[in-house]
Protein backbone atom coordinates (compact mmCIF):
# COMPACT_ATOMS: atom_id res chain seq x y z
CA MET A 1 88.75 51.49 59.88
CA ALA A 2 92.26 52.74 59.43
CA GLY A 3 91.72 56.49 59.28
CA PRO A 4 89.08 59.16 58.97
CA VAL A 5 86.46 58.33 56.36
CA LYS A 6 84.93 61.06 54.28
CA ASP A 7 81.11 61.16 54.50
CA ARG A 8 80.93 58.83 57.53
CA GLU A 9 77.40 60.05 58.33
CA ALA A 10 76.24 59.20 54.82
CA PHE A 11 77.59 55.66 55.11
CA GLN A 12 75.90 55.28 58.48
CA ARG A 13 72.69 56.41 56.82
CA LEU A 14 73.16 53.83 54.05
CA SER A 15 73.54 51.11 56.65
CA PHE A 16 70.52 52.35 58.59
CA LEU A 17 68.27 52.42 55.51
CA TYR A 18 69.34 48.91 54.50
CA GLN A 19 68.66 47.57 58.00
CA ALA A 20 65.33 49.43 58.15
CA ALA A 21 64.22 47.75 54.91
CA HIS A 22 65.06 44.35 56.42
CA CYS A 23 63.14 45.17 59.62
CA VAL A 24 60.06 46.33 57.68
CA LEU A 25 59.93 43.08 55.71
CA ALA A 26 60.57 40.97 58.83
CA GLN A 27 57.73 42.62 60.75
CA ALA A 28 55.22 43.08 57.92
CA PRO A 29 56.07 41.14 54.72
CA GLU A 30 53.12 42.71 52.88
CA ASN A 31 54.63 46.22 53.31
CA GLN A 32 57.10 45.82 50.44
CA ALA A 33 56.51 49.37 49.14
CA LEU A 34 58.07 50.94 52.26
CA ALA A 35 61.07 48.58 52.09
CA ARG A 36 61.46 49.44 48.39
CA PHE A 37 61.41 53.17 49.26
CA TYR A 38 64.18 52.68 51.84
CA CYS A 39 66.29 50.71 49.35
CA HIS A 40 65.71 53.27 46.58
CA THR A 41 66.81 56.08 48.93
CA GLU A 42 69.90 54.07 49.93
CA ARG A 43 70.77 53.48 46.27
CA THR A 44 70.38 57.18 45.42
CA ILE A 45 72.69 58.20 48.27
CA ALA A 46 75.28 55.62 47.19
CA LYS A 47 75.26 56.96 43.62
CA ARG A 48 75.73 60.53 44.89
CA LEU A 49 78.71 59.47 47.01
CA VAL A 50 80.45 57.84 44.05
CA LEU A 51 79.98 60.95 41.90
CA ARG A 52 81.26 63.21 44.64
CA HIS A 53 84.25 60.93 45.21
CA ALA A 54 85.26 61.15 41.54
CA ALA A 55 85.71 64.91 41.90
CA ALA A 56 87.51 64.66 45.27
CA PRO A 57 91.17 65.70 45.55
CA ASP A 58 93.84 62.99 45.56
CA HIS A 59 94.93 63.61 49.16
CA LEU A 60 91.56 62.48 50.59
CA PRO A 61 90.99 58.78 51.29
CA PRO A 62 88.43 57.11 49.04
CA PRO A 63 85.10 56.23 50.62
CA PRO A 64 84.66 52.54 51.35
CA PRO A 65 82.77 50.75 48.58
CA ARG A 66 79.41 49.19 49.22
CA ASP A 67 79.72 45.56 50.16
CA PRO A 68 79.08 43.26 47.14
CA SER A 69 76.89 40.96 49.24
CA MET A 70 74.69 43.97 50.06
CA LYS A 71 74.49 45.08 46.42
CA ARG A 72 73.43 41.58 45.36
CA THR A 73 70.39 41.73 47.63
CA LEU A 74 68.94 44.79 45.88
CA CYS A 75 67.05 44.63 42.59
CA ARG A 76 68.62 46.88 39.98
CA GLY A 77 65.28 47.42 38.28
CA CYS A 78 62.87 48.43 41.05
CA SER A 79 65.18 48.68 44.13
CA SER A 80 63.36 45.92 45.99
CA LEU A 81 65.15 44.05 48.74
CA LEU A 82 65.64 40.56 47.32
CA ILE A 83 64.71 37.93 49.89
CA PRO A 84 64.31 34.43 48.42
CA GLY A 85 60.76 33.15 48.79
CA LEU A 86 59.37 36.57 49.72
CA THR A 87 60.38 39.14 47.10
CA CYS A 88 62.35 36.97 44.66
CA THR A 89 62.79 33.44 43.41
CA GLN A 90 66.19 31.81 43.46
CA ARG A 91 67.04 28.92 41.15
CA GLN A 92 70.18 26.93 40.40
CA ARG A 93 70.88 26.47 36.67
CA ARG A 94 73.58 24.71 34.66
CA HIS A 95 74.80 26.25 31.43
CA ARG A 96 77.80 25.01 29.44
CA GLY A 97 79.21 23.05 32.35
CA GLN A 98 78.95 25.89 34.88
CA CYS A 99 76.52 26.31 37.77
CA TRP A 100 74.68 29.62 38.08
CA THR A 101 72.34 31.09 40.69
CA VAL A 102 69.50 32.99 39.03
CA GLN A 103 67.53 35.49 41.15
CA THR A 104 64.28 36.84 39.70
CA CYS A 105 62.54 39.80 41.33
CA LEU A 106 58.81 39.14 41.82
CA THR A 107 57.97 42.86 41.49
CA CYS A 108 59.57 43.75 38.14
CA GLN A 109 60.61 40.26 36.88
CA ARG A 110 64.24 41.36 36.39
CA SER A 111 66.73 38.53 36.85
CA GLN A 112 70.37 38.45 37.90
CA ARG A 113 72.84 35.60 37.40
CA PHE A 114 75.76 34.79 39.69
CA LEU A 115 78.39 32.19 38.92
CA ASN A 116 78.68 29.41 41.52
CA ASP A 117 82.42 28.87 41.80
CA PRO A 118 83.41 27.49 45.21
CA GLU A 119 87.03 28.62 44.73
CA HIS A 120 86.12 32.21 43.78
CA LEU A 121 86.89 34.89 46.36
CA LEU A 122 85.79 38.49 46.13
CA TRP A 123 88.67 40.98 46.25
CA GLY A 124 87.56 42.29 49.64
CA ASP A 125 87.70 38.78 51.11
CA ARG A 126 91.25 38.08 49.92
CA PRO A 127 94.05 38.44 52.48
CA GLU A 128 96.09 40.83 50.32
CA ALA A 129 93.15 43.26 50.19
CA GLN A 130 93.14 43.77 53.96
CA LEU A 131 95.03 46.79 55.28
CA GLY A 132 96.59 44.82 58.13
CA SER A 133 98.31 42.38 55.79
CA GLN A 134 99.61 45.20 53.59
CA ALA A 135 101.54 46.66 56.52
CA ASP A 136 103.32 43.31 57.03
CA LEU A 137 104.91 43.40 53.60
CA LYS A 138 108.70 43.74 53.52
CA PRO A 139 110.07 47.11 52.42
CA PRO A 140 111.59 47.09 48.94
CA GLN A 141 115.26 46.15 48.81
CA PRO A 142 117.69 48.83 47.56
CA LEU A 143 118.91 48.40 44.03
CA PRO A 144 122.54 47.37 43.57
CA ASN A 145 124.97 50.12 42.58
CA THR A 146 125.26 49.90 38.81
CA ALA A 147 127.05 53.21 38.23
CA HIS A 148 130.37 51.44 37.42
CA PRO A 149 129.59 47.86 36.46
CA ILE A 150 132.54 45.48 36.61
CA PRO A 151 132.61 42.96 33.76
CA ASP A 152 132.52 39.32 34.84
CA HIS A 153 135.44 38.34 32.57
CA LEU A 154 138.05 40.48 34.47
CA PRO A 155 140.27 38.64 36.97
CA GLU A 156 140.16 39.69 40.65
CA GLU A 157 143.61 41.32 40.64
CA LYS A 158 142.62 43.72 37.83
CA ILE A 159 139.47 44.64 39.75
CA GLN A 160 141.51 45.42 42.87
CA ARG A 161 144.00 47.52 40.87
CA GLN A 162 141.18 49.44 39.17
CA SER A 163 139.51 50.25 42.47
CA SER A 164 142.83 51.38 44.03
CA SER A 165 143.76 53.55 41.02
CA HIS A 166 140.39 55.36 41.16
CA GLN A 167 141.00 56.51 44.72
């Protein structure tokens, strides 16, 4: 990361809880209640961070947002970790000429749809969103001096005389 991040410990805790939920389901797939508790706690902490950031002064750096791929693996209804075949079903659907991925949580039956566009890039994955590429940008060029504009229809000799008479 570029600089000091506010609430670093909280973001480390978010990551730990998310990884713990994955480990619980990998070791004991029937223990979905514990994984759901970890994910619910992670979601509560993330909401608190966003609220606290809104009231933060302007001179502090904003906290890094949660990764969209991580948010897509959590059910918005019951906070279950969505793993296809274990805690959710995942289907491909076509609607009006577009392909969609539909995830349905097996706990609360809530579904989410995601557009399948192979050319779509999330903002965080685009090169212009990265801090390293922003530093490579050229500095803005100075504006031309327009305090005394010289009309284009004047011949060169009049321009030279005007500039010498002003001195």
